Amino acid sequence: MSLKTIAIIIPYFGQWPEWIDLYIESCKHNPSIDWLLFSDCPPLTIQQKMSNSLIFLFKTTKKR
């Protein structure tokens, strides 16, 4: 098991772009990096494609 020393934080709000599947696939090919996606997009569209290094965190910009 290797120690991960890189974490990339990606805030993305709005609708997922058409190319999100390709982006997720490229993240899977870089397992030494932790990918943190903060988004208000529904996780159901990419949940099946998540890997151990890709972490989806649902956040909203709406005020309570």
Protein backbone atom coordinates (compact mmCIF):
# COMPACT_ATOMS: atom_id res chain seq x y z
CA MET A 1 0.00 0.00 0.00
CA SER A 2 1.44 3.34 -1.02
CA LEU A 3 1.04 6.57 0.89
CA LYS A 4 -0.97 9.18 -0.98
CA THR A 5 0.57 12.63 -0.85
CA ILE A 6 -1.62 14.47 -3.33
CA ALA A 7 -5.25 15.51 -2.92
CA ILE A 8 -7.02 17.52 -5.58
CA ILE A 9 -10.09 19.47 -4.44
CA ILE A 10 -12.64 20.11 -7.17
CA PRO A 11 -15.63 22.35 -6.45
CA TYR A 12 -18.23 21.96 -9.22
CA PHE A 13 -21.75 23.42 -9.08
CA GLY A 14 -24.41 23.22 -11.74
CA GLN A 15 -25.14 20.35 -14.10
CA TRP A 16 -22.49 17.74 -14.84
CA PRO A 17 -20.83 18.45 -18.20
CA GLU A 18 -21.17 15.94 -21.02
CA TRP A 19 -17.56 14.84 -20.57
CA ILE A 20 -17.80 13.99 -16.84
CA ASP A 21 -17.64 10.24 -17.55
CA LEU A 22 -14.30 10.70 -19.31
CA TYR A 23 -12.98 12.84 -16.46
CA ILE A 24 -14.01 10.23 -13.87
CA GLU A 25 -12.32 7.53 -15.92
CA SER A 26 -9.08 9.53 -16.03
CA CYS A 27 -9.24 9.95 -12.23
CA LYS A 28 -9.51 6.17 -11.85
CA HIS A 29 -6.24 5.80 -13.76
CA ASN A 30 -4.46 7.95 -11.15
CA PRO A 31 -4.97 5.94 -7.93
CA SER A 32 -2.09 7.67 -6.14
CA ILE A 33 -4.15 10.89 -6.05
CA ASP A 34 -7.19 11.52 -3.83
CA TRP A 35 -9.87 13.34 -5.84
CA LEU A 36 -12.37 15.30 -3.72
CA LEU A 37 -15.42 16.52 -5.66
CA PHE A 38 -17.65 19.05 -3.87
CA SER A 39 -20.82 19.44 -5.91
CA ASP A 40 -24.56 19.98 -5.86
CA CYS A 41 -24.95 17.58 -8.80
CA PRO A 42 -26.72 14.28 -8.14
CA PRO A 43 -24.19 11.54 -7.34
CA LEU A 44 -26.33 8.81 -8.91
CA THR A 45 -25.02 9.55 -12.39
CA ILE A 46 -21.40 8.80 -11.43
CA GLN A 47 -21.70 6.65 -8.32
CA GLN A 48 -21.14 3.37 -10.18
CA LYS A 49 -17.89 4.72 -11.58
CA MET A 50 -16.35 5.87 -8.32
CA SER A 51 -13.08 4.40 -7.17
CA ASN A 52 -11.45 4.40 -3.74
CA SER A 53 -9.49 7.52 -4.65
CA LEU A 54 -12.54 9.49 -5.85
CA ILE A 55 -14.61 11.01 -3.05
CA PHE A 56 -17.91 12.72 -3.82
CA LEU A 57 -19.22 15.25 -1.26
CA PHE A 58 -22.69 16.68 -1.82
CA LYS A 59 -22.86 20.40 -0.99
CA THR A 60 -25.38 23.03 -1.95
CA THR A 61 -25.10 26.77 -2.40
CA LYS A 62 -28.67 27.34 -1.26
CA LYS A 63 -29.18 29.16 2.03
CA ARG A 64 -31.40 27.60 4.66
